C-alpha atoms as a PDB file:
ATOM      1  CA  GLN A   1    -147.139 113.555 -24.900  1.00  0.00           C
ATOM      2  CA  VAL A   2    -148.150 116.849 -23.336  1.00  0.00           C
ATOM      3  CA  GLN A   3    -146.506 118.783 -20.529  1.00  0.00           C
ATOM      4  CA  LEU A   4    -148.557 121.136 -18.381  1.00  0.00           C
ATOM      5  CA  VAL A   5    -147.021 123.742 -16.060  1.00  0.00           C
ATOM      6  CA  GLU A   6    -149.252 125.889 -13.858  1.00  0.00           C
ATOM      7  CA  SER A   7    -148.477 129.280 -12.359  1.00  0.00           C
ATOM      8  CA  GLY A   8    -150.284 132.205 -10.782  1.00  0.00           C
ATOM      9  CA  GLY A   9    -151.423 130.736  -7.504  1.00  0.00           C
ATOM     10  CA  GLY A  10    -151.085 132.636  -4.253  1.00  0.00           C
ATOM     11  CA  SER A  11    -152.863 134.037  -1.225  1.00  0.00           C
ATOM     12  CA  VAL A  12    -155.744 136.470  -1.490  1.00  0.00           C
ATOM     13  CA  GLN A  13    -158.527 137.769   0.717  1.00  0.00           C
ATOM     14  CA  ALA A  14    -162.148 136.770   0.210  1.00  0.00           C
ATOM     15  CA  GLY A  15    -163.721 138.695  -2.633  1.00  0.00           C
ATOM     16  CA  GLY A  16    -160.408 138.992  -4.409  1.00  0.00           C
ATOM     17  CA  TYR A  17    -159.149 137.953  -7.850  1.00  0.00           C
ATOM     18  CA  LEU A  18    -156.489 135.604  -9.185  1.00  0.00           C
ATOM     19  CA  ARG A  19    -155.573 134.423 -12.667  1.00  0.00           C
ATOM     20  CA  LEU A  20    -153.993 131.022 -13.097  1.00  0.00           C
ATOM     21  CA  SER A  21    -151.987 130.131 -16.188  1.00  0.00           C
ATOM     22  CA  CYS A  22    -151.031 126.759 -17.624  1.00  0.00           C
ATOM     23  CA  ALA A  23    -148.279 126.532 -20.229  1.00  0.00           C
ATOM     24  CA  VAL A  24    -148.923 123.610 -22.559  1.00  0.00           C
ATOM     25  CA  SER A  25    -146.077 122.018 -24.519  1.00  0.00           C
ATOM     26  CA  GLY A  26    -145.279 118.809 -26.336  1.00  0.00           C
ATOM     27  CA  TYR A  27    -145.649 117.361 -29.797  1.00  0.00           C
ATOM     28  CA  MET A  28    -149.247 116.390 -29.079  1.00  0.00           C
ATOM     29  CA  TYR A  29    -150.289 119.969 -28.299  1.00  0.00           C
ATOM     30  CA  SER A  30    -153.094 120.019 -30.874  1.00  0.00           C
ATOM     31  CA  SER A  31    -154.293 116.504 -30.154  1.00  0.00           C
ATOM     32  CA  TYR A  32    -156.884 116.879 -27.418  1.00  0.00           C
ATOM     33  CA  CYS A  33    -160.609 116.792 -26.731  1.00  0.00           C
ATOM     34  CA  PHE A  34    -160.711 119.030 -23.680  1.00  0.00           C
ATOM     35  CA  ARG A  35    -158.420 121.013 -21.416  1.00  0.00           C
ATOM     36  CA  GLY A  36    -159.435 122.147 -18.004  1.00  0.00           C
ATOM     37  CA  TRP A  37    -158.857 122.953 -14.379  1.00  0.00           C
ATOM     38  CA  PHE A  38    -159.444 120.758 -11.362  1.00  0.00           C
ATOM     39  CA  ARG A  39    -158.808 121.374  -7.697  1.00  0.00           C
ATOM     40  CA  ARG A  40    -158.202 119.407  -4.525  1.00  0.00           C
ATOM     41  CA  ALA A  41    -158.769 120.804  -1.062  1.00  0.00           C
ATOM     42  CA  PRO A  42    -157.147 119.133   1.967  1.00  0.00           C
ATOM     43  CA  GLY A  43    -158.984 115.946   2.894  1.00  0.00           C
ATOM     44  CA  LYS A  44    -161.148 115.992  -0.242  1.00  0.00           C
ATOM     45  CA  GLY A  45    -161.067 114.392  -3.659  1.00  0.00           C
ATOM     46  CA  ARG A  46    -160.321 116.162  -6.913  1.00  0.00           C
ATOM     47  CA  GLU A  47    -163.147 118.425  -8.105  1.00  0.00           C
ATOM     48  CA  GLY A  48    -163.794 119.560 -11.648  1.00  0.00           C
ATOM     49  CA  VAL A  49    -163.686 123.370 -11.920  1.00  0.00           C
ATOM     50  CA  ALA A  50    -163.895 124.261 -15.609  1.00  0.00           C
ATOM     51  CA  VAL A  51    -163.353 122.635 -18.995  1.00  0.00           C
ATOM     52  CA  ILE A  52    -162.850 124.059 -22.482  1.00  0.00           C
ATOM     53  CA  ALA A  53    -163.347 122.096 -25.684  1.00  0.00           C
ATOM     54  CA  THR A  54    -161.427 122.434 -28.941  1.00  0.00           C
ATOM     55  CA  ASP A  55    -164.224 124.612 -30.367  1.00  0.00           C
ATOM     56  CA  GLY A  56    -164.031 126.947 -27.370  1.00  0.00           C
ATOM     57  CA  THR A  57    -167.168 125.700 -25.639  1.00  0.00           C
ATOM     58  CA  THR A  58    -166.842 126.036 -21.870  1.00  0.00           C
ATOM     59  CA  THR A  59    -168.382 124.066 -19.011  1.00  0.00           C
ATOM     60  CA  TYR A  60    -168.173 124.938 -15.316  1.00  0.00           C
ATOM     61  CA  GLY A  61    -168.678 123.211 -12.021  1.00  0.00           C
ATOM     62  CA  ASP A  62    -171.720 124.458 -10.126  1.00  0.00           C
ATOM     63  CA  SER A  63    -169.668 125.960  -7.294  1.00  0.00           C
ATOM     64  CA  VAL A  64    -167.753 128.327  -9.607  1.00  0.00           C
ATOM     65  CA  LYS A  65    -170.342 129.298 -12.230  1.00  0.00           C
ATOM     66  CA  ASN A  66    -170.554 133.040 -12.841  1.00  0.00           C
ATOM     67  CA  ARG A  67    -167.338 133.602 -10.850  1.00  0.00           C
ATOM     68  CA  PHE A  68    -164.638 131.766 -12.794  1.00  0.00           C
ATOM     69  CA  THR A  69    -163.752 131.983 -16.500  1.00  0.00           C
ATOM     70  CA  ILE A  70    -161.674 129.501 -18.466  1.00  0.00           C
ATOM     71  CA  SER A  71    -159.972 130.519 -21.696  1.00  0.00           C
ATOM     72  CA  GLN A  72    -156.981 129.655 -23.833  1.00  0.00           C
ATOM     73  CA  ASP A  73    -154.588 131.442 -26.138  1.00  0.00           C
ATOM     74  CA  ASN A  74    -153.411 129.015 -28.804  1.00  0.00           C
ATOM     75  CA  ALA A  75    -150.738 131.405 -30.076  1.00  0.00           C
ATOM     76  CA  LYS A  76    -149.197 131.419 -26.598  1.00  0.00           C
ATOM     77  CA  ARG A  77    -150.114 127.780 -25.941  1.00  0.00           C
ATOM     78  CA  THR A  78    -151.501 128.813 -22.596  1.00  0.00           C
ATOM     79  CA  LEU A  79    -154.661 127.911 -20.703  1.00  0.00           C
ATOM     80  CA  TYR A  80    -156.082 130.409 -18.206  1.00  0.00           C
ATOM     81  CA  LEU A  81    -158.474 130.417 -15.266  1.00  0.00           C
ATOM     82  CA  GLU A  82    -159.704 133.797 -14.078  1.00  0.00           C
ATOM     83  CA  MET A  83    -161.172 133.611 -10.604  1.00  0.00           C
ATOM     84  CA  ASN A  84    -163.367 136.432  -9.302  1.00  0.00           C
ATOM     85  CA  SER A  85    -165.204 136.850  -5.999  1.00  0.00           C
ATOM     86  CA  LEU A  86    -163.006 134.253  -4.375  1.00  0.00           C
ATOM     87  CA  LYS A  87    -164.278 132.499  -1.269  1.00  0.00           C
ATOM     88  CA  PRO A  88    -162.390 130.648   1.480  1.00  0.00           C
ATOM     89  CA  GLU A  89    -163.906 127.402   0.178  1.00  0.00           C
ATOM     90  CA  ASP A  90    -162.072 127.974  -3.119  1.00  0.00           C
ATOM     91  CA  SER A  91    -158.794 127.324  -1.301  1.00  0.00           C
ATOM     92  CA  ALA A  92    -157.162 124.283  -2.873  1.00  0.00           C
ATOM     93  CA  MET A  93    -154.373 123.014  -5.069  1.00  0.00           C
ATOM     94  CA  TYR A  94    -155.393 123.794  -8.646  1.00  0.00           C
ATOM     95  CA  TYR A  95    -154.351 121.469 -11.452  1.00  0.00           C
ATOM     96  CA  CYS A  96    -154.295 121.961 -15.200  1.00  0.00           C
ATOM     97  CA  ALA A  97    -155.440 118.907 -17.148  1.00  0.00           C
ATOM     98  CA  SER A  98    -155.762 117.562 -20.663  1.00  0.00           C
ATOM     99  CA  LYS A  99    -157.922 114.809 -22.110  1.00  0.00           C
ATOM    100  CA  ARG A 100    -156.735 113.313 -25.399  1.00  0.00           C
ATOM    101  CA  ARG A 101    -158.496 109.946 -25.689  1.00  0.00           C
ATOM    102  CA  TYR A 102    -162.027 108.556 -25.395  1.00  0.00           C
ATOM    103  CA  CYS A 103    -163.401 112.064 -25.339  1.00  0.00           C
ATOM    104  CA  GLY A 104    -166.940 111.734 -23.990  1.00  0.00           C
ATOM    105  CA  SER A 105    -168.566 114.950 -22.805  1.00  0.00           C
ATOM    106  CA  ALA A 106    -167.212 117.941 -20.931  1.00  0.00           C
ATOM    107  CA  LEU A 107    -169.625 117.304 -18.071  1.00  0.00           C
ATOM    108  CA  SER A 108    -168.502 113.695 -17.710  1.00  0.00           C
ATOM    109  CA  LEU A 109    -164.891 114.873 -17.586  1.00  0.00           C
ATOM    110  CA  LEU A 110    -165.713 117.386 -14.834  1.00  0.00           C
ATOM    111  CA  ASN A 111    -167.358 114.634 -12.817  1.00  0.00           C
ATOM    112  CA  LEU A 112    -164.683 111.995 -13.448  1.00  0.00           C
ATOM    113  CA  PRO A 113    -161.202 113.444 -12.896  1.00  0.00           C
ATOM    114  CA  SER A 114    -159.862 109.883 -13.049  1.00  0.00           C
ATOM    115  CA  THR A 115    -160.371 109.978 -16.838  1.00  0.00           C
ATOM    116  CA  VAL A 116    -157.888 112.838 -17.356  1.00  0.00           C
ATOM    117  CA  ASP A 117    -154.860 111.850 -19.476  1.00  0.00           C
ATOM    118  CA  ASP A 118    -152.335 114.527 -18.472  1.00  0.00           C
ATOM    119  CA  TRP A 119    -151.880 116.503 -15.254  1.00  0.00           C
ATOM    120  CA  GLY A 120    -149.772 119.469 -14.267  1.00  0.00           C
ATOM    121  CA  GLN A 121    -147.989 119.636 -10.928  1.00  0.00           C
ATOM    122  CA  GLY A 122    -150.485 122.081  -9.414  1.00  0.00           C
ATOM    123  CA  THR A 123    -150.476 125.595  -8.002  1.00  0.00           C
ATOM    124  CA  GLN A 124    -151.780 126.514  -4.557  1.00  0.00           C
ATOM    125  CA  VAL A 125    -154.606 129.009  -4.048  1.00  0.00           C
ATOM    126  CA  THR A 126    -155.392 130.200  -0.526  1.00  0.00           C
ATOM    127  CA  VAL A 127    -158.321 132.494   0.208  1.00  0.00           C
ATOM    128  CA  SER A 128    -158.550 134.036   3.656  1.00  0.00           C
ATOM    129  CA  SER A 129    -161.724 135.365   5.235  1.00  0.00           C
END
């Protein structure tokens, strides 16, 4: 199994910057198709934010393209999400996720959070106007 622990959330003003981190552990660390970030705002369903494949290829949701950057450091076993030019509508609980089985495509994973295999507990991001 895989354990995912997020950190780095907080409150920031519109236009600001935050970097989220996700520590990945477990004996199945290297067994995955994609890792990524999802978010859920109050009253809404989970939304795919960004996904990174094992070869480093990245895919982003339309609402965060050119503002957010996903990356990972395998030596530190940590997944990151750098968020620039934050907007109030980016306010949400952000979750780290891993997909290990029935890989499919990165885009299908972004659009179908229900297919994620492992979830972190989430970290809150609040952007004020």
